[in-house]
């Protein structure tokens, strides 16, 4: 079955080339030049993944990412012309799943897309877990807290899955980096800390009095929600 890709980028030459290339890999591609058209497309036909440029007319990609993530958990890959570490960290904080600096090889983008889609759909263990007021459905890739769905990105769900499948085990940043593909290898310590912080916030877990994720200073993090 074809996976649907929405590209939000005002470079029509680039999007035309990408659409032709991606279609060879059995992707159905729709490209729009503005965030507003992208939001409209998301409402009418939710894609499997969004490719989002940072430099856009009227609204930059960071704000567009924030607005998309507010309403949707669809995976997002951001494109940046500058490739600055600061840009990637901001994108991660806003909920992007991966980043690709321009210029790039189209085949690399295909590899990134396939990796992100695997993280969002493939689970080695399919089961249901409940800890306190938190329920995790590995089969449906969903998280509920007090009966209300917690919207996590594919990477956040992958991180949570890693923790709950290793209860009581201190996971250092190297272990997390190896398990969560797509993290920025130029500043992975910072990227991991940002993602853990965002996961805690979404789960309502106070780092000062943790009930789920405990920081082990100088070592990493440990899931304490299951004993």
N, C-alpha and C. Protein backbone atom coordinates (compact mmCIF):
# COMPACT_ATOMS: atom_id res chain seq x y z
N UNK A 1 0.84 -1.20 0.00
CA UNK A 1 0.00 0.00 0.00
C UNK A 1 0.88 1.25 0.00
N UNK A 2 0.52 2.21 -0.85
CA UNK A 2 1.29 3.45 -0.92
C UNK A 2 1.20 4.25 0.37
N UNK A 3 2.34 4.78 0.78
CA UNK A 3 2.37 5.72 1.90
C UNK A 3 2.26 7.13 1.35
N UNK A 4 1.47 7.95 2.03
CA UNK A 4 1.23 9.31 1.56
C UNK A 4 2.21 10.30 2.21
N UNK A 5 2.82 11.11 1.37
CA UNK A 5 3.77 12.12 1.84
C UNK A 5 3.25 13.50 1.48
N UNK A 6 3.26 14.41 2.45
CA UNK A 6 2.94 15.81 2.19
C UNK A 6 4.22 16.62 2.32
N UNK A 7 4.61 17.31 1.24
CA UNK A 7 5.78 18.18 1.25
C UNK A 7 5.31 19.63 1.32
N UNK A 8 5.81 20.37 2.31
CA UNK A 8 5.49 21.79 2.43
C UNK A 8 6.79 22.56 2.18
N UNK A 9 6.92 23.08 0.97
CA UNK A 9 8.16 23.74 0.54
C UNK A 9 7.81 24.61 -0.67
N UNK A 10 8.28 25.85 -0.69
CA UNK A 10 7.93 26.76 -1.78
C UNK A 10 8.90 26.68 -2.95
N UNK A 11 9.87 25.78 -2.89
CA UNK A 11 10.80 25.58 -4.00
C UNK A 11 10.17 24.57 -4.96
N UNK A 12 9.45 25.06 -5.96
CA UNK A 12 8.70 24.19 -6.86
C UNK A 12 9.61 23.26 -7.67
N UNK A 13 10.80 23.74 -8.01
CA UNK A 13 11.73 22.90 -8.76
C UNK A 13 12.15 21.70 -7.92
N UNK A 14 12.48 21.96 -6.64
CA UNK A 14 12.90 20.88 -5.75
C UNK A 14 11.76 19.90 -5.50
N UNK A 15 10.58 20.43 -5.19
CA UNK A 15 9.47 19.53 -4.88
C UNK A 15 9.06 18.68 -6.09
N UNK A 16 9.19 19.27 -7.28
CA UNK A 16 8.90 18.50 -8.49
C UNK A 16 9.86 17.34 -8.66
N UNK A 17 11.14 17.60 -8.42
CA UNK A 17 12.14 16.54 -8.53
C UNK A 17 11.93 15.48 -7.46
N UNK A 18 11.64 15.93 -6.23
CA UNK A 18 11.43 14.98 -5.14
C UNK A 18 10.20 14.11 -5.39
N UNK A 19 9.13 14.73 -5.86
CA UNK A 19 7.90 13.97 -6.11
C UNK A 19 8.16 12.86 -7.11
N UNK A 20 8.85 13.19 -8.19
CA UNK A 20 9.16 12.18 -9.21
C UNK A 20 10.04 11.07 -8.67
N UNK A 21 11.00 11.43 -7.82
CA UNK A 21 11.91 10.44 -7.26
C UNK A 21 11.20 9.55 -6.24
N UNK A 22 10.42 10.16 -5.35
CA UNK A 22 9.75 9.41 -4.28
C UNK A 22 8.70 8.46 -4.83
N UNK A 23 8.06 8.86 -5.92
CA UNK A 23 7.04 8.00 -6.51
C UNK A 23 7.63 6.69 -7.02
N UNK A 24 8.94 6.68 -7.33
CA UNK A 24 9.60 5.45 -7.75
C UNK A 24 9.70 4.45 -6.60
N UNK A 25 9.57 4.96 -5.36
CA UNK A 25 9.64 4.10 -4.18
C UNK A 25 8.25 3.83 -3.61
N UNK A 26 7.24 3.98 -4.44
CA UNK A 26 5.86 3.66 -4.07
C UNK A 26 5.30 4.62 -3.02
N UNK A 27 5.69 5.89 -3.10
CA UNK A 27 5.11 6.91 -2.24
C UNK A 27 4.15 7.77 -3.08
N UNK A 28 3.02 8.12 -2.49
CA UNK A 28 2.09 9.05 -3.12
C UNK A 28 2.40 10.44 -2.56
N UNK A 29 2.84 11.36 -3.41
CA UNK A 29 3.35 12.65 -2.95
C UNK A 29 2.41 13.79 -3.33
N UNK A 30 2.16 14.67 -2.36
CA UNK A 30 1.45 15.92 -2.59
C UNK A 30 2.33 17.04 -2.07
N UNK A 31 2.61 18.04 -2.91
CA UNK A 31 3.46 19.17 -2.51
C UNK A 31 2.66 20.47 -2.53
N UNK A 32 2.82 21.28 -1.48
CA UNK A 32 2.17 22.59 -1.41
C UNK A 32 3.23 23.61 -1.02
N UNK A 33 3.09 24.89 -1.46
CA UNK A 33 4.14 25.88 -1.23
C UNK A 33 4.04 26.67 0.07
N UNK A 34 2.90 26.61 0.77
CA UNK A 34 2.73 27.42 1.97
C UNK A 34 2.21 26.58 3.13
N UNK A 35 2.50 27.00 4.37
CA UNK A 35 1.97 26.29 5.53
C UNK A 35 0.44 26.24 5.55
N UNK A 36 -0.21 27.35 5.16
CA UNK A 36 -1.66 27.39 5.17
C UNK A 36 -2.27 26.31 4.29
N UNK A 37 -1.68 26.14 3.10
CA UNK A 37 -2.16 25.08 2.22
C UNK A 37 -1.85 23.70 2.81
N UNK A 38 -0.75 23.62 3.54
CA UNK A 38 -0.41 22.36 4.20
C UNK A 38 -1.42 22.01 5.28
N UNK A 39 -1.82 23.01 6.09
CA UNK A 39 -2.81 22.77 7.15
C UNK A 39 -4.13 22.31 6.54
N UNK A 40 -4.51 22.93 5.45
CA UNK A 40 -5.75 22.56 4.78
C UNK A 40 -5.67 21.13 4.27
N UNK A 41 -4.52 20.78 3.73
CA UNK A 41 -4.34 19.42 3.20
C UNK A 41 -4.39 18.39 4.33
N UNK A 42 -3.81 18.72 5.46
CA UNK A 42 -3.81 17.82 6.60
C UNK A 42 -5.24 17.52 7.07
N UNK A 43 -6.09 18.54 7.03
CA UNK A 43 -7.48 18.35 7.45
C UNK A 43 -8.25 17.45 6.48
N UNK A 44 -7.96 17.60 5.20
CA UNK A 44 -8.72 16.87 4.18
C UNK A 44 -8.20 15.45 3.94
N UNK A 45 -6.89 15.27 4.06
CA UNK A 45 -6.32 13.96 3.73
C UNK A 45 -5.02 13.78 4.52
N UNK A 46 -5.13 13.22 5.72
CA UNK A 46 -3.97 13.09 6.62
C UNK A 46 -2.91 12.19 5.98
N UNK A 47 -1.69 12.70 5.81
CA UNK A 47 -0.63 11.89 5.21
C UNK A 47 0.01 10.97 6.25
N UNK A 48 0.90 10.12 5.77
CA UNK A 48 1.65 9.25 6.68
C UNK A 48 2.87 9.95 7.23
N UNK A 49 3.35 10.98 6.52
CA UNK A 49 4.51 11.73 6.96
C UNK A 49 4.52 13.10 6.28
N UNK A 50 5.09 14.10 6.97
CA UNK A 50 5.19 15.46 6.43
C UNK A 50 6.67 15.82 6.28
N UNK A 51 7.02 16.35 5.11
CA UNK A 51 8.36 16.91 4.87
C UNK A 51 8.20 18.42 4.90
N UNK A 52 8.83 19.08 5.85
CA UNK A 52 8.56 20.49 6.13
C UNK A 52 9.84 21.32 6.04
N UNK A 53 9.84 22.30 5.14
CA UNK A 53 10.98 23.20 5.02
C UNK A 53 10.92 24.27 6.12
N UNK A 54 12.07 24.73 6.58
CA UNK A 54 12.09 25.78 7.61
C UNK A 54 11.80 27.15 7.00
N UNK A 55 12.42 27.44 5.85
CA UNK A 55 12.26 28.76 5.24
C UNK A 55 11.03 28.75 4.33
N UNK A 56 9.93 29.33 4.83
CA UNK A 56 8.67 29.34 4.09
C UNK A 56 8.07 30.74 4.07
N UNK A 57 7.28 31.07 3.07
CA UNK A 57 6.65 32.39 3.00
C UNK A 57 5.53 32.55 4.02
N UNK A 58 5.53 33.70 4.71
CA UNK A 58 4.43 34.01 5.63
C UNK A 58 4.59 33.43 7.01
N UNK A 59 5.09 32.22 7.13
CA UNK A 59 5.25 31.55 8.41
C UNK A 59 6.42 30.59 8.29
N UNK A 60 7.36 30.63 9.24
CA UNK A 60 8.50 29.73 9.10
C UNK A 60 8.13 28.30 9.50
N UNK A 61 9.02 27.38 9.18
CA UNK A 61 8.74 25.98 9.43
C UNK A 61 8.62 25.64 10.90
N UNK A 62 9.29 26.40 11.78
CA UNK A 62 9.18 26.13 13.21
C UNK A 62 7.75 26.35 13.70
N UNK A 63 7.17 27.48 13.31
CA UNK A 63 5.79 27.76 13.71
C UNK A 63 4.84 26.77 13.07
N UNK A 64 5.10 26.42 11.81
CA UNK A 64 4.25 25.43 11.13
C UNK A 64 4.33 24.09 11.84
N UNK A 65 5.53 23.69 12.26
CA UNK A 65 5.71 22.44 12.99
C UNK A 65 4.94 22.47 14.31
N UNK A 66 5.04 23.59 15.02
CA UNK A 66 4.33 23.72 16.30
C UNK A 66 2.83 23.57 16.10
N UNK A 67 2.29 24.19 15.06
CA UNK A 67 0.85 24.12 14.82
C UNK A 67 0.42 22.73 14.38
N UNK A 68 1.23 22.07 13.57
CA UNK A 68 0.90 20.71 13.16
C UNK A 68 0.91 19.78 14.37
N UNK A 69 1.95 19.90 15.18
CA UNK A 69 2.10 19.00 16.32
C UNK A 69 1.00 19.22 17.37
N UNK A 70 0.43 20.41 17.40
CA UNK A 70 -0.66 20.69 18.33
C UNK A 70 -1.87 19.81 18.06
N UNK A 71 -2.11 19.50 16.79
CA UNK A 71 -3.32 18.76 16.42
C UNK A 71 -3.07 17.36 15.87
N UNK A 72 -1.83 17.07 15.46
CA UNK A 72 -1.56 15.79 14.81
C UNK A 72 -0.29 15.15 15.35
N UNK A 73 -0.25 13.81 15.34
CA UNK A 73 0.95 13.08 15.74
C UNK A 73 1.70 12.55 14.52
N UNK A 74 1.32 12.99 13.32
CA UNK A 74 1.96 12.55 12.09
C UNK A 74 3.47 12.83 12.15
N UNK A 75 4.32 11.89 11.71
CA UNK A 75 5.76 12.13 11.72
C UNK A 75 6.14 13.32 10.84
N UNK A 76 7.15 14.08 11.28
CA UNK A 76 7.61 15.27 10.55
C UNK A 76 9.12 15.21 10.36
N UNK A 77 9.56 15.39 9.11
CA UNK A 77 10.98 15.57 8.82
C UNK A 77 11.17 17.01 8.36
N UNK A 78 12.07 17.74 9.02
CA UNK A 78 12.30 19.13 8.67
C UNK A 78 13.52 19.27 7.77
N UNK A 79 13.41 20.18 6.80
CA UNK A 79 14.51 20.50 5.90
C UNK A 79 15.06 21.87 6.28
N UNK A 80 16.37 21.97 6.41
CA UNK A 80 16.97 23.25 6.75
C UNK A 80 18.14 23.55 5.83
N UNK A 81 18.17 24.76 5.31
CA UNK A 81 19.25 25.17 4.41
C UNK A 81 20.54 25.42 5.17
N UNK A 82 20.40 25.77 6.43
CA UNK A 82 21.58 26.12 7.21
C UNK A 82 22.21 24.92 7.91
N UNK A 83 21.39 24.01 8.38
CA UNK A 83 21.91 22.83 9.05
C UNK A 83 22.49 23.13 10.42
N UNK A 84 22.14 24.28 11.01
CA UNK A 84 22.68 24.64 12.32
C UNK A 84 22.18 23.69 13.40
N UNK A 85 23.06 23.39 14.36
CA UNK A 85 22.65 22.56 15.49
C UNK A 85 21.49 23.21 16.23
N UNK A 86 21.54 24.56 16.38
CA UNK A 86 20.47 25.26 17.09
C UNK A 86 19.12 25.04 16.40
N UNK A 87 19.11 25.06 15.07
CA UNK A 87 17.87 24.82 14.33
C UNK A 87 17.33 23.43 14.61
N UNK A 88 18.21 22.44 14.64
CA UNK A 88 17.76 21.07 14.87
C UNK A 88 17.22 20.89 16.28
N UNK A 89 17.85 21.55 17.25
CA UNK A 89 17.38 21.45 18.63
C UNK A 89 16.01 22.10 18.76
N UNK A 90 15.82 23.28 18.15
CA UNK A 90 14.51 23.94 18.19
C UNK A 90 13.45 23.05 17.55
N UNK A 91 13.79 22.47 16.40
CA UNK A 91 12.84 21.59 15.74
C UNK A 91 12.48 20.40 16.59
N UNK A 92 13.46 19.82 17.27
CA UNK A 92 13.22 18.69 18.16
C UNK A 92 12.30 19.09 19.31
N UNK A 93 12.56 20.25 19.88
CA UNK A 93 11.72 20.73 20.97
C UNK A 93 10.27 20.93 20.53
N UNK A 94 10.08 21.25 19.25
CA UNK A 94 8.73 21.49 18.73
C UNK A 94 8.06 20.20 18.26
N UNK A 95 8.80 19.09 18.24
CA UNK A 95 8.18 17.82 17.92
C UNK A 95 8.55 17.19 16.60
N UNK A 96 9.58 17.73 15.90
CA UNK A 96 10.01 17.09 14.65
C UNK A 96 10.66 15.74 14.96
N UNK A 97 10.56 14.81 14.01
CA UNK A 97 11.11 13.47 14.20
C UNK A 97 12.50 13.30 13.60
N UNK A 98 12.84 14.12 12.62
CA UNK A 98 14.15 14.00 11.97
C UNK A 98 14.43 15.29 11.22
N UNK A 99 15.70 15.45 10.77
CA UNK A 99 16.15 16.67 10.10
C UNK A 99 17.06 16.30 8.96
N UNK A 100 17.04 17.11 7.93
CA UNK A 100 17.91 16.88 6.79
C UNK A 100 18.35 18.24 6.25
N UNK A 101 19.66 18.54 6.32
CA UNK A 101 20.14 19.83 5.80
C UNK A 101 20.23 19.83 4.29
N UNK A 102 19.87 20.97 3.69
CA UNK A 102 20.03 21.13 2.24
C UNK A 102 21.45 21.59 1.94
N UNK A 103 22.00 21.20 0.79
CA UNK A 103 21.45 20.25 -0.19
C UNK A 103 21.60 18.82 0.30
N UNK A 104 20.77 17.91 -0.20
CA UNK A 104 20.85 16.52 0.21
C UNK A 104 20.61 15.62 -1.00
N UNK A 105 21.02 14.39 -0.86
CA UNK A 105 20.77 13.40 -1.90
C UNK A 105 19.36 12.85 -1.72
N UNK A 106 18.55 12.81 -2.76
CA UNK A 106 17.18 12.28 -2.63
C UNK A 106 17.13 10.89 -2.00
N UNK A 107 18.14 10.07 -2.28
CA UNK A 107 18.14 8.72 -1.72
C UNK A 107 18.28 8.76 -0.21
N UNK A 108 19.00 9.78 0.32
CA UNK A 108 19.11 9.90 1.77
C UNK A 108 17.75 10.25 2.37
N UNK A 109 17.00 11.12 1.67
CA UNK A 109 15.67 11.47 2.16
C UNK A 109 14.79 10.22 2.20
N UNK A 110 14.88 9.38 1.19
CA UNK A 110 14.10 8.13 1.18
C UNK A 110 14.46 7.29 2.40
N UNK A 111 15.76 7.19 2.69
CA UNK A 111 16.20 6.39 3.85
C UNK A 111 15.66 6.99 5.15
N UNK A 112 15.68 8.32 5.26
CA UNK A 112 15.15 8.96 6.47
C UNK A 112 13.64 8.70 6.60
N UNK A 113 12.92 8.82 5.49
CA UNK A 113 11.48 8.59 5.50
C UNK A 113 11.17 7.17 5.94
N UNK A 114 11.87 6.21 5.36
CA UNK A 114 11.63 4.81 5.70
C UNK A 114 11.95 4.53 7.16
N UNK A 115 13.01 5.15 7.68
CA UNK A 115 13.39 4.97 9.08
C UNK A 115 12.32 5.53 10.01
N UNK A 116 11.84 6.75 9.72
CA UNK A 116 10.83 7.37 10.55
C UNK A 116 9.52 6.58 10.51
N UNK A 117 9.14 6.12 9.34
CA UNK A 117 7.90 5.34 9.21
C UNK A 117 8.01 4.02 9.96
N UNK A 118 9.18 3.41 9.95
CA UNK A 118 9.36 2.17 10.72
C UNK A 118 9.20 2.43 12.21
N UNK A 119 9.78 3.53 12.68
CA UNK A 119 9.67 3.84 14.10
C UNK A 119 8.22 4.08 14.50
N UNK A 120 7.45 4.65 13.60
CA UNK A 120 6.06 4.99 13.94
C UNK A 120 5.11 3.82 13.83
N UNK A 121 5.53 2.73 13.18
CA UNK A 121 4.59 1.63 12.97
C UNK A 121 5.08 0.27 13.43
N UNK A 122 6.39 0.01 13.37
CA UNK A 122 6.89 -1.31 13.71
C UNK A 122 7.24 -1.40 15.19
N UNK A 123 6.70 -2.33 15.89
CA UNK A 123 6.99 -2.55 17.30
C UNK A 123 7.39 -4.02 17.50
N UNK A 124 8.52 -4.23 18.10
CA UNK A 124 8.99 -5.59 18.30
C UNK A 124 8.06 -6.38 19.22
N UNK A 125 7.54 -5.70 20.23
CA UNK A 125 6.63 -6.35 21.16
C UNK A 125 5.29 -5.65 21.10
N UNK A 126 4.22 -6.42 20.88
CA UNK A 126 2.90 -5.84 20.78
C UNK A 126 2.11 -6.28 22.01
N UNK A 127 1.88 -5.35 22.91
CA UNK A 127 1.16 -5.67 24.13
C UNK A 127 0.59 -4.39 24.74
N UNK A 128 -0.18 -4.58 25.78
CA UNK A 128 -0.79 -3.45 26.49
C UNK A 128 -0.21 -3.40 27.89
N UNK A 129 0.17 -2.21 28.32
CA UNK A 129 0.79 -2.06 29.64
C UNK A 129 0.10 -0.93 30.40
N UNK A 130 -0.09 -1.14 31.69
CA UNK A 130 -0.68 -0.12 32.55
C UNK A 130 0.20 0.07 33.77
N UNK A 131 0.55 1.33 34.04
CA UNK A 131 1.32 1.66 35.21
C UNK A 131 0.75 2.94 35.82
N UNK A 132 0.18 2.83 36.99
CA UNK A 132 -0.47 3.99 37.61
C UNK A 132 -1.63 4.44 36.75
N UNK A 133 -1.65 5.74 36.42
CA UNK A 133 -2.73 6.27 35.57
C UNK A 133 -2.33 6.31 34.10
N UNK A 134 -1.23 5.62 33.76
CA UNK A 134 -0.72 5.62 32.39
C UNK A 134 -0.99 4.27 31.73
N UNK A 135 -1.54 4.31 30.52
CA UNK A 135 -1.78 3.09 29.74
C UNK A 135 -1.08 3.21 28.39
N UNK A 136 -0.33 2.19 28.05
CA UNK A 136 0.43 2.19 26.80
C UNK A 136 -0.02 1.02 25.93
N UNK A 137 -0.48 1.32 24.75
CA UNK A 137 -0.92 0.30 23.80
C UNK A 137 0.15 0.20 22.71
N UNK A 138 1.00 -0.82 22.79
CA UNK A 138 2.07 -0.98 21.82
C UNK A 138 1.53 -1.41 20.46
N UNK A 139 0.38 -2.06 20.47
CA UNK A 139 -0.22 -2.50 19.22
C UNK A 139 -0.71 -1.30 18.41
N UNK A 140 -1.37 -0.36 19.10
CA UNK A 140 -1.89 0.83 18.43
C UNK A 140 -0.98 2.03 18.52
N UNK A 141 0.17 1.88 19.22
CA UNK A 141 1.14 2.98 19.38
C UNK A 141 0.47 4.20 20.00
N UNK A 142 -0.31 3.98 21.06
CA UNK A 142 -1.00 5.08 21.72
C UNK A 142 -0.71 5.06 23.22
N UNK A 143 -0.80 6.24 23.82
CA UNK A 143 -0.60 6.40 25.26
C UNK A 143 -1.78 7.16 25.83
N UNK A 144 -2.35 6.65 26.92
CA UNK A 144 -3.48 7.30 27.59
C UNK A 144 -3.07 7.62 29.02
N UNK A 145 -3.45 8.81 29.47
CA UNK A 145 -3.21 9.21 30.85
C UNK A 145 -4.54 9.63 31.46
N UNK A 146 -5.00 8.91 32.47
CA UNK A 146 -6.30 9.16 33.09
C UNK A 146 -7.41 9.15 32.04
N UNK A 147 -7.28 8.26 31.07
CA UNK A 147 -8.31 8.13 30.05
C UNK A 147 -8.22 9.11 28.90
N UNK A 148 -7.25 10.03 28.95
CA UNK A 148 -7.08 11.04 27.89
C UNK A 148 -5.82 10.71 27.09
N UNK A 149 -5.95 10.74 25.78
CA UNK A 149 -4.80 10.39 24.94
C UNK A 149 -3.69 11.43 25.05
N UNK A 150 -2.47 10.93 25.18
CA UNK A 150 -1.28 11.78 25.18
C UNK A 150 -0.69 11.73 23.78
N UNK A 151 -0.62 12.88 23.13
CA UNK A 151 -0.12 12.93 21.75
C UNK A 151 1.41 12.94 21.75
N UNK A 152 1.99 11.83 21.31
CA UNK A 152 3.44 11.71 21.22
C UNK A 152 3.87 11.58 19.76
N UNK A 153 5.04 12.11 19.46
CA UNK A 153 5.61 11.90 18.13
C UNK A 153 6.12 10.45 18.06
N UNK A 154 6.45 10.01 16.85
CA UNK A 154 6.96 8.65 16.68
C UNK A 154 8.23 8.44 17.50
N UNK A 155 9.10 9.45 17.53
CA UNK A 155 10.35 9.33 18.27
C UNK A 155 10.10 9.30 19.78
N UNK A 156 9.16 10.11 20.25
CA UNK A 156 8.82 10.12 21.67
C UNK A 156 8.24 8.78 22.11
N UNK A 157 7.36 8.20 21.26
CA UNK A 157 6.79 6.90 21.60
C UNK A 157 7.89 5.84 21.63
N UNK A 158 8.83 5.93 20.70
CA UNK A 158 9.94 4.99 20.66
C UNK A 158 10.78 5.10 21.92
N UNK A 159 11.01 6.32 22.39
CA UNK A 159 11.79 6.54 23.61
C UNK A 159 11.05 5.98 24.82
N UNK A 160 9.76 6.27 24.93
CA UNK A 160 8.97 5.74 26.04
C UNK A 160 8.97 4.21 26.02
N UNK A 161 8.83 3.63 24.83
CA UNK A 161 8.85 2.17 24.69
C UNK A 161 10.17 1.59 25.19
N UNK A 162 11.27 2.26 24.84
CA UNK A 162 12.58 1.81 25.28
C UNK A 162 12.67 1.78 26.80
N UNK A 163 12.17 2.83 27.45
CA UNK A 163 12.22 2.91 28.90
C UNK A 163 11.36 1.84 29.57
N UNK A 164 10.10 1.71 29.13
CA UNK A 164 9.20 0.80 29.83
C UNK A 164 9.56 -0.67 29.58
N UNK A 165 10.29 -0.93 28.49
CA UNK A 165 10.73 -2.31 28.24
C UNK A 165 12.03 -2.64 28.97
N UNK A 166 12.57 -1.60 29.64
CA UNK A 166 13.78 -1.81 30.46
C UNK A 166 13.58 -1.20 31.84
N UNK A 167 12.54 -1.63 32.58
CA UNK A 167 12.23 -1.02 33.87
C UNK A 167 13.35 -1.23 34.88
N UNK A 168 13.68 -0.15 35.59
CA UNK A 168 14.71 -0.23 36.62
C UNK A 168 16.13 -0.25 36.10
N UNK A 169 16.28 -0.21 34.77
CA UNK A 169 17.62 -0.23 34.16
C UNK A 169 18.05 1.19 33.82
N UNK A 170 19.25 1.56 34.25
CA UNK A 170 19.78 2.88 33.90
C UNK A 170 20.24 2.85 32.44
N UNK A 171 19.61 3.69 31.63
CA UNK A 171 19.97 3.77 30.21
C UNK A 171 20.81 5.03 29.99
N UNK A 172 22.06 4.83 29.59
CA UNK A 172 22.89 6.00 29.34
C UNK A 172 22.59 6.56 27.95
N UNK A 173 23.17 7.70 27.65
CA UNK A 173 22.85 8.38 26.39
C UNK A 173 23.33 7.59 25.18
N UNK A 174 24.43 6.88 25.32
CA UNK A 174 24.91 6.06 24.20
C UNK A 174 23.90 4.97 23.87
N UNK A 175 23.35 4.34 24.90
CA UNK A 175 22.36 3.27 24.68
C UNK A 175 21.10 3.84 24.03
N UNK A 176 20.66 4.99 24.51
CA UNK A 176 19.47 5.62 23.94
C UNK A 176 19.73 6.02 22.49
N UNK A 177 20.91 6.59 22.24
CA UNK A 177 21.25 7.03 20.89
C UNK A 177 21.25 5.87 19.91
N UNK A 178 21.78 4.72 20.34
CA UNK A 178 21.83 3.54 19.48
C UNK A 178 20.44 3.01 19.18
N UNK A 179 19.53 3.13 20.17
CA UNK A 179 18.18 2.56 20.02
C UNK A 179 17.24 3.48 19.24
N UNK A 180 17.40 4.78 19.39
CA UNK A 180 16.49 5.74 18.76
C UNK A 180 17.16 6.33 17.54
N UNK A 181 16.94 5.73 16.39
CA UNK A 181 17.55 6.22 15.16
C UNK A 181 16.94 7.57 14.76
N UNK A 182 17.78 8.42 14.20
CA UNK A 182 17.29 9.71 13.75
C UNK A 182 17.71 10.86 14.65
N UNK A 183 18.29 10.52 15.83
CA UNK A 183 18.78 11.59 16.70
C UNK A 183 20.00 12.26 16.07
N UNK A 184 20.17 13.53 16.37
CA UNK A 184 21.26 14.32 15.81
C UNK A 184 22.59 13.84 16.38
N UNK A 185 23.48 13.32 15.52
CA UNK A 185 24.74 12.78 16.02
C UNK A 185 25.77 13.86 16.33
N UNK A 186 25.50 15.10 15.96
CA UNK A 186 26.42 16.19 16.28
C UNK A 186 26.25 16.71 17.70
N UNK A 187 25.07 16.54 18.26
CA UNK A 187 24.81 17.04 19.62
C UNK A 187 23.81 16.12 20.30
N UNK A 188 24.11 14.80 20.25
CA UNK A 188 23.10 13.86 20.69
C UNK A 188 22.81 13.94 22.19
N UNK A 189 23.81 14.32 23.01
CA UNK A 189 23.53 14.47 24.44
C UNK A 189 22.42 15.48 24.66
N UNK A 190 22.55 16.64 24.03
CA UNK A 190 21.55 17.70 24.17
C UNK A 190 20.21 17.26 23.57
N UNK A 191 20.24 16.58 22.43
CA UNK A 191 19.01 16.13 21.78
C UNK A 191 18.25 15.17 22.67
N UNK A 192 18.96 14.22 23.29
CA UNK A 192 18.32 13.25 24.17
C UNK A 192 17.72 13.94 25.38
N UNK A 193 18.46 14.86 25.98
CA UNK A 193 17.95 15.56 27.16
C UNK A 193 16.69 16.35 26.82
N UNK A 194 16.68 16.99 25.65
CA UNK A 194 15.50 17.75 25.22
C UNK A 194 14.31 16.83 25.04
N UNK A 195 14.53 15.68 24.41
CA UNK A 195 13.43 14.76 24.14
C UNK A 195 12.90 14.16 25.44
N UNK A 196 13.78 13.81 26.38
CA UNK A 196 13.34 13.29 27.67
C UNK A 196 12.53 14.35 28.41
N UNK A 197 13.01 15.59 28.37
CA UNK A 197 12.30 16.69 29.03
C UNK A 197 10.90 16.87 28.45
N UNK A 198 10.80 16.81 27.12
CA UNK A 198 9.50 16.97 26.47
C UNK A 198 8.58 15.80 26.78
N UNK A 199 9.13 14.59 26.84
CA UNK A 199 8.33 13.41 27.17
C UNK A 199 7.80 13.52 28.60
N UNK A 200 8.65 13.94 29.50
CA UNK A 200 8.22 14.13 30.90
C UNK A 200 7.05 15.13 30.97
N UNK A 201 7.21 16.23 30.25
CA UNK A 201 6.18 17.26 30.29
C UNK A 201 4.85 16.73 29.78
N UNK A 202 4.88 15.98 28.70
CA UNK A 202 3.64 15.44 28.14
C UNK A 202 3.01 14.40 29.06
N UNK A 203 3.85 13.67 29.80
CA UNK A 203 3.34 12.64 30.70
C UNK A 203 2.99 13.20 32.07
N UNK A 204 3.29 14.49 32.30
CA UNK A 204 2.99 15.11 33.58
C UNK A 204 3.88 14.60 34.70
N UNK A 205 5.14 14.27 34.36
CA UNK A 205 6.07 13.71 35.34
C UNK A 205 7.05 14.79 35.79
N UNK A 206 7.01 15.13 37.08
CA UNK A 206 7.87 16.18 37.64
C UNK A 206 9.27 15.62 37.86
N UNK A 207 10.30 16.19 37.19
CA UNK A 207 11.66 15.67 37.36
C UNK A 207 12.18 15.80 38.79
N UNK A 208 11.61 16.72 39.57
CA UNK A 208 12.04 16.89 40.96
C UNK A 208 11.45 15.80 41.86
N UNK A 209 10.27 15.34 41.51
CA UNK A 209 9.62 14.24 42.24
C UNK A 209 9.08 13.24 41.21
N UNK A 210 9.97 12.55 40.51
CA UNK A 210 9.54 11.69 39.40
C UNK A 210 8.77 10.46 39.86
N UNK A 211 7.77 10.10 39.07
CA UNK A 211 7.04 8.85 39.27
C UNK A 211 7.28 7.88 38.13
N UNK A 212 7.85 8.40 37.03
CA UNK A 212 8.08 7.56 35.86
C UNK A 212 9.55 7.54 35.44
N UNK A 213 10.10 8.71 35.14
CA UNK A 213 11.47 8.80 34.63
C UNK A 213 12.38 9.51 35.64
N UNK A 214 13.38 8.81 36.11
CA UNK A 214 14.30 9.37 37.09
C UNK A 214 15.66 9.64 36.45
N UNK A 215 16.19 10.83 36.69
CA UNK A 215 17.52 11.17 36.20
C UNK A 215 18.57 10.58 37.14
N UNK A 216 19.51 9.85 36.58
CA UNK A 216 20.63 9.31 37.36
C UNK A 216 21.85 10.14 36.98
N UNK A 217 22.22 11.06 37.82
CA UNK A 217 23.26 12.03 37.48
C UNK A 217 24.56 11.33 37.09
N UNK A 218 25.12 11.80 35.97
CA UNK A 218 26.36 11.25 35.48
C UNK A 218 26.22 9.94 34.75
N UNK A 219 24.97 9.41 34.70
CA UNK A 219 24.77 8.11 34.07
C UNK A 219 23.73 8.13 32.97
N UNK A 220 22.54 8.62 33.27
CA UNK A 220 21.48 8.63 32.27
C UNK A 220 20.11 8.72 32.90
N UNK A 221 19.20 7.85 32.46
CA UNK A 221 17.82 7.88 32.95
C UNK A 221 17.34 6.47 33.26
N UNK A 222 16.37 6.38 34.19
CA UNK A 222 15.82 5.08 34.57
C UNK A 222 14.30 5.18 34.69
N UNK A 223 13.60 4.20 34.12
CA UNK A 223 12.14 4.14 34.23
C UNK A 223 11.79 3.48 35.56
N UNK A 224 11.08 4.19 36.43
CA UNK A 224 10.73 3.69 37.76
C UNK A 224 9.24 3.47 37.91
N UNK A 225 8.48 3.58 36.80
CA UNK A 225 7.03 3.43 36.88
C UNK A 225 6.57 2.00 37.07
N UNK A 226 7.46 1.05 36.74
CA UNK A 226 7.12 -0.37 36.90
C UNK A 226 8.15 -0.99 37.84
N UNK A 227 7.68 -1.69 38.84
CA UNK A 227 8.61 -2.32 39.79
C UNK A 227 8.48 -3.83 39.73
